[in-house]
Protein backbone atom coordinates (compact mmCIF):
# COMPACT_ATOMS: atom_id res chain seq x y z
CA UNK A 1 33.38 8.50 -48.57
CA UNK A 2 29.62 8.97 -48.43
CA UNK A 3 26.84 6.48 -47.78
CA UNK A 4 23.35 6.19 -46.29
CA UNK A 5 22.46 3.19 -44.16
CA UNK A 6 19.59 1.78 -42.08
CA UNK A 7 20.23 2.75 -38.48
CA UNK A 8 19.19 -0.58 -36.92
CA UNK A 9 21.67 -2.53 -39.02
CA UNK A 10 24.43 -0.06 -38.23
CA UNK A 11 23.71 -0.25 -34.48
CA UNK A 12 23.77 -4.07 -34.55
CA UNK A 13 27.10 -4.18 -36.40
CA UNK A 14 28.65 -1.54 -34.16
CA UNK A 15 27.61 -3.52 -31.07
CA UNK A 16 29.19 -6.66 -32.51
CA UNK A 17 32.57 -5.09 -33.29
CA UNK A 18 32.58 -3.16 -29.99
CA UNK A 19 33.07 -6.50 -28.23
CA UNK A 20 36.66 -6.44 -29.51
CA UNK A 21 37.39 -2.79 -28.79
CA UNK A 22 39.08 -1.94 -25.50
CA UNK A 23 40.07 1.35 -23.97
CA UNK A 24 43.20 -0.23 -22.49
CA UNK A 25 45.49 -0.67 -25.47
CA UNK A 26 49.06 0.27 -26.30
CA UNK A 27 48.06 1.04 -29.91
CA UNK A 28 45.88 4.20 -29.78
CA UNK A 29 44.16 3.61 -33.13
CA UNK A 30 42.63 0.39 -31.74
CA UNK A 31 40.29 2.50 -29.60
CA UNK A 32 38.55 3.27 -32.90
CA UNK A 33 36.23 1.41 -35.27
CA UNK A 34 37.34 1.12 -38.87
CA UNK A 35 34.60 1.76 -41.44
CA UNK A 36 35.13 0.75 -45.06
CA UNK A 37 32.50 1.52 -47.70
CA UNK A 38 32.88 -0.42 -50.95
CA UNK A 39 30.60 -1.26 -53.86
CA UNK A 40 29.41 -4.40 -52.05
CA UNK A 41 28.47 -2.74 -48.77
CA UNK A 42 29.95 -1.45 -45.52
CA UNK A 43 32.46 -3.32 -43.34
CA UNK A 44 33.13 -2.38 -39.70
CA UNK A 45 36.18 -3.65 -37.84
CA UNK A 46 37.09 -3.59 -34.16
CA UNK A 47 40.19 -5.12 -32.58
CA UNK A 48 42.23 -5.25 -29.37
CA UNK A 49 45.02 -7.21 -31.11
CA UNK A 50 43.91 -10.44 -29.34
CA UNK A 51 40.44 -10.50 -30.86
CA UNK A 52 39.47 -8.86 -34.16
CA UNK A 53 35.88 -8.72 -35.37
CA UNK A 54 34.69 -7.65 -38.80
CA UNK A 55 30.98 -7.18 -39.39
CA UNK A 56 29.76 -6.71 -42.94
CA UNK A 57 26.53 -4.95 -43.93
CA UNK A 58 25.61 -5.88 -47.51
CA UNK A 59 24.08 -3.37 -49.91
CA UNK A 60 20.93 -5.37 -50.34
CA UNK A 61 19.45 -8.33 -48.54
CA UNK A 62 16.39 -10.22 -49.76
CA UNK A 63 15.66 -7.40 -52.25
CA UNK A 64 15.68 -4.80 -49.49
CA UNK A 65 18.14 -1.92 -49.83
CA UNK A 66 20.14 -1.53 -46.62
CA UNK A 67 23.04 0.65 -47.72
CA UNK A 68 23.25 3.22 -50.47
CA UNK A 69 26.90 3.88 -51.35
CA UNK A 70 27.49 7.20 -53.08
CA UNK A 71 31.26 7.28 -52.77
CA UNK A 72 33.47 4.41 -51.52
CA UNK A 73 36.15 5.17 -48.94
CA UNK A 74 37.32 4.42 -45.40
CA UNK A 75 37.81 6.10 -42.02
CA UNK A 76 38.51 5.19 -38.38
CA UNK A 77 36.22 6.81 -35.77
CA UNK A 78 36.50 6.82 -31.95
CA UNK A 79 34.49 3.77 -30.92
CA UNK A 80 33.27 5.17 -27.62
CA UNK A 81 31.58 8.19 -29.20
CA UNK A 82 30.52 6.59 -32.48
CA UNK A 83 28.75 3.69 -30.75
CA UNK A 84 26.82 6.04 -28.44
CA UNK A 85 25.91 8.40 -31.29
CA UNK A 86 24.44 5.75 -33.60
CA UNK A 87 22.35 4.30 -30.76
CA UNK A 88 20.71 7.66 -30.08
CA UNK A 89 20.16 9.02 -33.57
CA UNK A 90 16.57 10.20 -34.17
CA UNK A 91 15.57 8.60 -37.51
CA UNK A 92 15.85 5.22 -39.21
CA UNK A 93 18.30 6.44 -41.86
CA UNK A 94 21.86 7.61 -41.19
CA UNK A 95 24.14 9.38 -43.62
CA UNK A 96 27.88 9.24 -43.00
CA UNK A 97 30.33 11.17 -45.12
CA UNK A 98 33.95 12.18 -44.81
CA UNK A 99 34.96 15.70 -45.75
CA UNK A 100 38.51 16.91 -46.25
CA UNK A 101 40.98 16.44 -43.37
CA UNK A 102 39.16 13.33 -42.17
CA UNK A 103 36.24 15.35 -40.76
CA UNK A 104 33.35 12.90 -40.58
CA UNK A 105 29.76 14.11 -40.64
CA UNK A 106 27.01 11.85 -39.27
CA UNK A 107 23.52 13.06 -40.18
CA UNK A 108 20.15 11.63 -39.16
CA UNK A 109 16.97 13.67 -39.48
CA UNK A 110 17.68 17.15 -38.14
CA UNK A 111 20.62 15.93 -36.05
CA UNK A 112 24.20 16.34 -37.22
CA UNK A 113 27.44 15.26 -35.57
CA UNK A 114 30.97 16.12 -36.68
CA UNK A 115 33.64 13.68 -35.54
CA UNK A 116 37.38 13.87 -36.10
CA UNK A 117 38.42 10.71 -37.90
CA UNK A 118 41.78 8.94 -38.27
CA UNK A 119 43.28 7.75 -41.55
CA UNK A 120 42.18 4.14 -42.06
CA UNK A 121 45.50 3.18 -43.68
CA UNK A 122 47.09 3.37 -40.23
CA UNK A 123 44.74 0.69 -38.88
CA UNK A 124 46.47 -2.73 -38.46
CA UNK A 125 45.49 -5.24 -41.13
CA UNK A 126 43.43 -8.24 -40.17
CA UNK A 127 45.37 -11.52 -40.23
CA UNK A 128 45.46 -13.03 -43.72
CA UNK A 129 44.40 -16.63 -43.33
CA UNK A 130 44.83 -19.32 -45.97
CA UNK A 131 41.59 -21.26 -45.99
CA UNK A 132 42.93 -24.70 -46.77
CA UNK A 133 41.47 -26.71 -43.93
CA UNK A 134 37.98 -25.47 -43.11
CA UNK A 135 35.61 -27.32 -40.87
CA UNK A 136 32.00 -26.45 -40.05
CA UNK A 137 29.88 -26.71 -36.96
CA UNK A 138 26.23 -25.71 -36.35
CA UNK A 139 25.89 -22.45 -34.39
CA UNK A 140 23.77 -23.91 -31.59
CA UNK A 141 26.26 -26.74 -31.07
CA UNK A 142 29.20 -24.33 -30.98
CA UNK A 143 27.42 -22.14 -28.42
CA UNK A 144 26.56 -25.18 -26.30
CA UNK A 145 30.16 -26.43 -26.40
CA UNK A 146 31.44 -23.03 -25.30
CA UNK A 147 28.87 -22.78 -22.52
CA UNK A 148 29.66 -26.26 -21.26
CA UNK A 149 33.42 -25.74 -21.06
CA UNK A 150 34.39 -22.07 -20.82
CA UNK A 151 33.23 -21.63 -17.20
CA UNK A 152 36.00 -23.99 -16.04
CA UNK A 153 38.96 -22.05 -17.47
CA UNK A 154 41.40 -20.58 -14.97
CA UNK A 155 41.11 -16.90 -14.13
CA UNK A 156 44.63 -16.70 -12.74
CA UNK A 157 47.52 -15.65 -14.98
CA UNK A 158 50.05 -17.83 -13.16
CA UNK A 159 49.52 -20.53 -15.80
CA UNK A 160 48.28 -18.57 -18.83
CA UNK A 161 47.67 -21.73 -20.89
CA UNK A 162 44.86 -22.72 -18.48
CA UNK A 163 42.94 -19.49 -19.22
CA UNK A 164 42.08 -21.04 -22.59
CA UNK A 165 40.01 -23.96 -23.85
CA UNK A 166 41.92 -26.81 -25.46
CA UNK A 167 40.43 -27.82 -28.83
CA UNK A 168 41.57 -31.19 -30.16
CA UNK A 169 40.49 -32.20 -33.64
CA UNK A 170 41.08 -35.68 -35.00
CA UNK A 171 39.34 -36.21 -38.33
CA UNK A 172 35.71 -35.28 -37.68
CA UNK A 173 35.91 -35.53 -33.87
CA UNK A 174 36.23 -32.31 -31.89
CA UNK A 175 37.01 -32.40 -28.17
CA UNK A 176 36.96 -29.24 -26.03
CA UNK A 177 38.60 -29.32 -22.61
CA UNK A 178 38.89 -26.61 -19.96
CA UNK A 179 40.43 -26.90 -16.50
CA UNK A 180 41.66 -24.62 -13.75
CA UNK A 181 43.39 -27.58 -11.99
CA UNK A 182 40.55 -27.89 -9.43
CA UNK A 183 37.89 -28.95 -11.93
CA UNK A 184 37.67 -29.97 -15.56
CA UNK A 185 34.98 -29.73 -18.23
CA UNK A 186 35.08 -31.86 -21.37
CA UNK A 187 32.75 -31.86 -24.37
CA UNK A 188 32.95 -33.95 -27.55
CA UNK A 189 31.16 -33.42 -30.84
CA UNK A 190 31.26 -34.40 -34.48
CA UNK A 191 32.11 -31.73 -37.04
CA UNK A 192 31.97 -31.56 -40.81
CA UNK A 193 35.38 -31.44 -42.42
CA UNK A 194 36.83 -32.14 -45.81
CA UNK A 195 40.39 -32.81 -44.66
CA UNK A 196 41.85 -35.35 -42.27
CA UNK A 197 44.01 -32.74 -40.57
CA UNK A 198 44.44 -32.96 -36.81
CA UNK A 199 44.84 -29.93 -34.54
CA UNK A 200 45.61 -29.34 -30.92
CA UNK A 201 45.19 -25.64 -30.07
CA UNK A 202 44.24 -23.49 -27.09
CA UNK A 203 41.72 -20.68 -27.66
CA UNK A 204 41.47 -17.96 -24.96
CA UNK A 205 38.33 -18.43 -22.85
CA UNK A 206 37.56 -14.72 -23.19
CA UNK A 207 37.52 -15.00 -27.00
CA UNK A 208 35.07 -17.89 -26.92
CA UNK A 209 32.76 -16.07 -24.48
CA UNK A 210 32.66 -12.99 -26.70
CA UNK A 211 32.10 -15.11 -29.83
CA UNK A 212 29.21 -16.87 -28.14
CA UNK A 213 27.57 -13.53 -27.28
CA UNK A 214 27.78 -12.27 -30.86
CA UNK A 215 26.45 -15.35 -32.63
CA UNK A 216 22.71 -15.23 -32.92
CA UNK A 217 20.76 -18.41 -33.20
CA UNK A 218 19.81 -18.05 -36.85
CA UNK A 219 23.35 -18.31 -38.17
CA UNK A 220 23.13 -21.87 -39.43
CA UNK A 221 26.71 -23.02 -39.60
CA UNK A 222 29.98 -21.53 -38.53
CA UNK A 223 33.09 -22.22 -40.55
CA UNK A 224 36.32 -22.48 -38.57
CA UNK A 225 39.86 -22.11 -39.89
CA UNK A 226 42.87 -22.77 -37.66
CA UNK A 227 46.40 -21.60 -38.42
CA UNK A 228 49.58 -21.60 -36.35
CA UNK A 229 48.70 -18.66 -34.15
CA UNK A 230 45.16 -17.61 -35.15
CA UNK A 231 41.70 -19.08 -35.34
CA UNK A 232 39.00 -17.63 -37.58
CA UNK A 233 35.26 -18.17 -37.07
CA UNK A 234 33.18 -17.26 -40.13
CA UNK A 235 29.45 -16.69 -39.88
CA UNK A 236 27.11 -14.92 -42.23
CA UNK A 237 28.49 -11.35 -42.65
CA UNK A 238 30.82 -11.85 -39.69
CA UNK A 239 34.52 -12.66 -39.28
CA UNK A 240 35.82 -13.31 -35.78
CA UNK A 241 39.59 -13.71 -35.38
CA UNK A 242 41.29 -14.70 -32.15
CA UNK A 243 44.91 -15.32 -31.35
CA UNK A 244 45.77 -18.75 -29.94
CA UNK A 245 47.55 -19.20 -26.62
CA UNK A 246 51.16 -20.33 -26.89
CA UNK A 247 52.44 -23.37 -25.08
CA UNK A 248 51.39 -26.97 -24.59
CA UNK A 249 48.14 -27.77 -22.86
CA UNK A 250 48.67 -30.33 -20.07
CA UNK A 251 47.64 -33.89 -20.88
CA UNK A 252 44.34 -34.18 -19.05
CA UNK A 253 43.44 -37.71 -20.10
CA UNK A 254 45.24 -39.27 -17.13
CA UNK A 255 43.23 -37.11 -14.70
CA UNK A 256 39.97 -38.75 -15.72
CA UNK A 257 39.46 -42.01 -13.81
CA UNK A 258 38.50 -45.07 -15.86
CA UNK A 259 36.84 -47.13 -13.14
CA UNK A 260 34.74 -46.12 -10.16
CA UNK A 261 34.00 -47.51 -6.70
CA UNK A 262 30.65 -45.77 -6.15
CA UNK A 263 28.07 -44.74 -8.76
CA UNK A 264 25.11 -42.59 -7.76
CA UNK A 265 22.29 -41.59 -10.14
CA UNK A 266 20.20 -38.56 -9.14
CA UNK A 267 17.69 -36.15 -10.67
CA UNK A 268 19.67 -33.15 -11.89
CA UNK A 269 17.24 -30.44 -10.82
CA UNK A 270 16.57 -31.79 -7.31
CA UNK A 271 20.27 -32.36 -6.72
CA UNK A 272 21.20 -28.85 -7.94
CA UNK A 273 18.58 -27.27 -5.67
CA UNK A 274 19.76 -29.31 -2.67
CA UNK A 275 23.37 -28.24 -3.25
CA UNK A 276 22.18 -24.64 -3.60
CA UNK A 277 20.35 -24.81 -0.26
CA UNK A 278 23.27 -26.50 1.49
CA UNK A 279 25.63 -23.82 0.23
CA UNK A 280 23.53 -21.01 1.73
CA UNK A 281 25.33 -21.26 5.07
CA UNK A 282 28.70 -21.95 3.49
CA UNK A 283 28.69 -18.80 1.32
CA UNK A 284 30.50 -16.76 3.97
CA UNK A 285 34.26 -17.09 3.90
CA UNK A 286 36.31 -18.93 1.36
CA UNK A 287 35.21 -22.45 2.18
CA UNK A 288 32.02 -22.86 0.18
CA UNK A 289 32.13 -26.58 0.96
CA UNK A 290 29.29 -29.10 1.12
CA UNK A 291 29.48 -32.74 2.11
CA UNK A 292 27.80 -35.66 0.39
CA UNK A 293 27.36 -39.03 2.09
CA UNK A 294 25.49 -42.12 0.98
CA UNK A 295 22.98 -43.29 3.59
CA UNK A 296 21.70 -46.39 1.73
CA UNK A 297 20.90 -47.39 -1.84
CA UNK A 298 17.95 -44.99 -2.09
CA UNK A 299 19.09 -41.96 -0.10
CA UNK A 300 22.03 -39.58 -0.13
CA UNK A 301 22.65 -36.89 2.46
CA UNK A 302 23.85 -33.38 1.59
CA UNK A 303 25.14 -31.33 4.50
CA UNK A 304 27.15 -28.25 5.31
CA UNK A 305 28.53 -26.96 8.58
CA UNK A 306 29.83 -23.45 9.32
CA UNK A 307 30.63 -23.42 13.06
CA UNK A 308 30.06 -19.69 13.44
CA UNK A 309 26.77 -19.63 11.48
CA UNK A 310 25.04 -22.96 11.73
CA UNK A 311 24.54 -26.17 9.79
CA UNK A 312 22.20 -27.71 7.26
CA UNK A 313 21.37 -31.35 6.49
CA UNK A 314 19.12 -32.58 3.70
CA UNK A 315 18.26 -36.09 2.59
CA UNK A 316 17.72 -36.60 -1.10
CA UNK A 317 16.34 -39.69 -2.84
CA UNK A 318 18.75 -41.22 -5.32
CA UNK A 319 17.52 -43.17 -8.32
CA UNK A 320 20.21 -45.80 -7.82
CA UNK A 321 23.48 -46.37 -6.04
CA UNK A 322 26.08 -49.03 -6.79
CA UNK A 323 29.28 -49.81 -4.93
CA UNK A 324 30.76 -48.78 -1.61
CA UNK A 325 29.39 -46.23 0.85
CA UNK A 326 31.11 -42.89 0.71
CA UNK A 327 31.60 -39.52 2.39
CA UNK A 328 33.10 -36.75 0.28
CA UNK A 329 33.36 -32.95 0.46
CA UNK A 330 33.54 -30.57 -2.47
CA UNK A 331 33.05 -26.95 -3.47
CA UNK A 332 29.36 -26.12 -3.85
CA UNK A 333 30.13 -23.50 -6.47
CA UNK A 334 32.07 -25.94 -8.66
CA UNK A 335 29.28 -28.50 -8.37
CA UNK A 336 26.57 -25.97 -9.26
CA UNK A 337 28.59 -24.60 -12.21
CA UNK A 338 28.96 -28.15 -13.54
CA UNK A 339 25.32 -29.13 -13.02
CA UNK A 340 24.00 -26.03 -14.78
CA UNK A 341 25.75 -27.02 -18.01
CA UNK A 342 24.54 -30.62 -18.12
CA UNK A 343 21.64 -31.51 -20.34
CA UNK A 344 19.25 -34.28 -19.37
CA UNK A 345 17.03 -34.86 -16.36
CA UNK A 346 19.23 -37.48 -14.67
CA UNK A 347 22.95 -37.51 -13.99
CA UNK A 348 25.40 -40.13 -12.86
CA UNK A 349 28.17 -39.24 -10.41
CA UNK A 350 31.08 -41.69 -10.29
CA UNK A 351 33.40 -41.63 -7.27
CA UNK A 352 36.69 -43.45 -6.83
CA UNK A 353 37.21 -42.65 -3.15
CA UNK A 354 36.91 -39.63 -0.88
CA UNK A 355 40.19 -38.02 -1.97
CA UNK A 356 40.06 -38.82 -5.67
CA UNK A 357 38.51 -36.66 -8.43
CA UNK A 358 34.93 -37.65 -9.27
CA UNK A 359 33.09 -37.31 -12.56
CA UNK A 360 29.56 -36.17 -13.40
CA UNK A 361 27.93 -37.17 -16.69
CA UNK A 362 24.37 -37.11 -18.02
CA UNK A 363 22.86 -40.58 -17.95
CA UNK A 364 23.45 -42.42 -21.26
CA UNK A 365 25.38 -39.54 -22.82
CA UNK A 366 29.16 -39.70 -22.93
CA UNK A 367 29.68 -36.55 -25.03
CA UNK A 368 29.93 -34.34 -21.96
CA UNK A 369 31.83 -34.86 -18.73
CA UNK A 370 32.51 -32.70 -15.69
CA UNK A 371 35.28 -33.58 -13.22
CA UNK A 372 35.73 -32.02 -9.77
CA UNK A 373 38.51 -32.46 -7.21
CA UNK A 374 37.21 -32.98 -3.66
CA UNK A 375 38.18 -30.80 -0.70
CA UNK A 376 39.97 -32.14 2.38
CA UNK A 377 37.89 -31.18 5.37
CA UNK A 378 39.58 -32.94 8.29
């Protein structure tokens, strides 16, 4: 194998596939990056057996030569060293070639590295996925949906299914739901699909976070293929595979209340800042709890009390309030997490009593919903 490549493109691809490479793996070869040079270009693959990422660097792009392949071939190189080397090479062009006994020479300018490679045939194959049912989604929408749900997944392994995001697809409607049993985030969107297939799968939260980091904003659409135990996201020159979580996701529809007793509309930014201030004294200890009470139709009161530190009270104008008066306590962190994902200047918070879950939605937009369970404080 021998090829010359633009260093910037190589660095970018190596950084992408490194997101799947881990040092903690039971399969030693997975600490490496697989490099395959073919007549079309160079493909790099990284995997930790949960996530696999393949980044492809084409020979030419828009009439510009990126890779010059002199001899096709393949090799696996230690990811830790290879990724550091390519970042620090002195010139814009890099030559990589494999000599006998898998010795790999990386040359750039006057600098030359020799790395011991591993036979690429030993590297596990990427899942072969039949692309029968493909659906597409714009990149910015996919990134928004991940951002608005993935923060609510559980971090505890006691119920592994809750560490993932539930994707439900019915026709062209996609619903993403994440919950850690104290809060829930839900986002709906319309996708482009040719088939009427319906899916109900759970994608690990970690996979979606990594995918979101890799996708840049000028990938126009992402194609998604779901099989029994894998999901594949296809972008331009990028394949991102993730395993699906096994098990049934709990039915969350009955958690979401249909009617409410109190509806409050507030300005998102002012409300977020007030919660942030109220939580300053509640940061210490585990109980990062703030209290919300309705004073009258125009004012709500946000307060927090930590006996050993002090207390804070702030009155905040509300745009409108309908229904009964209310006092409720909740986690400031959960509330701030939820508010940061909502788009729109005004939000509506719907309560059904001090001990019942309440929901937060942007005004006049039902595609996104955040639900939080209150905290008992007496």
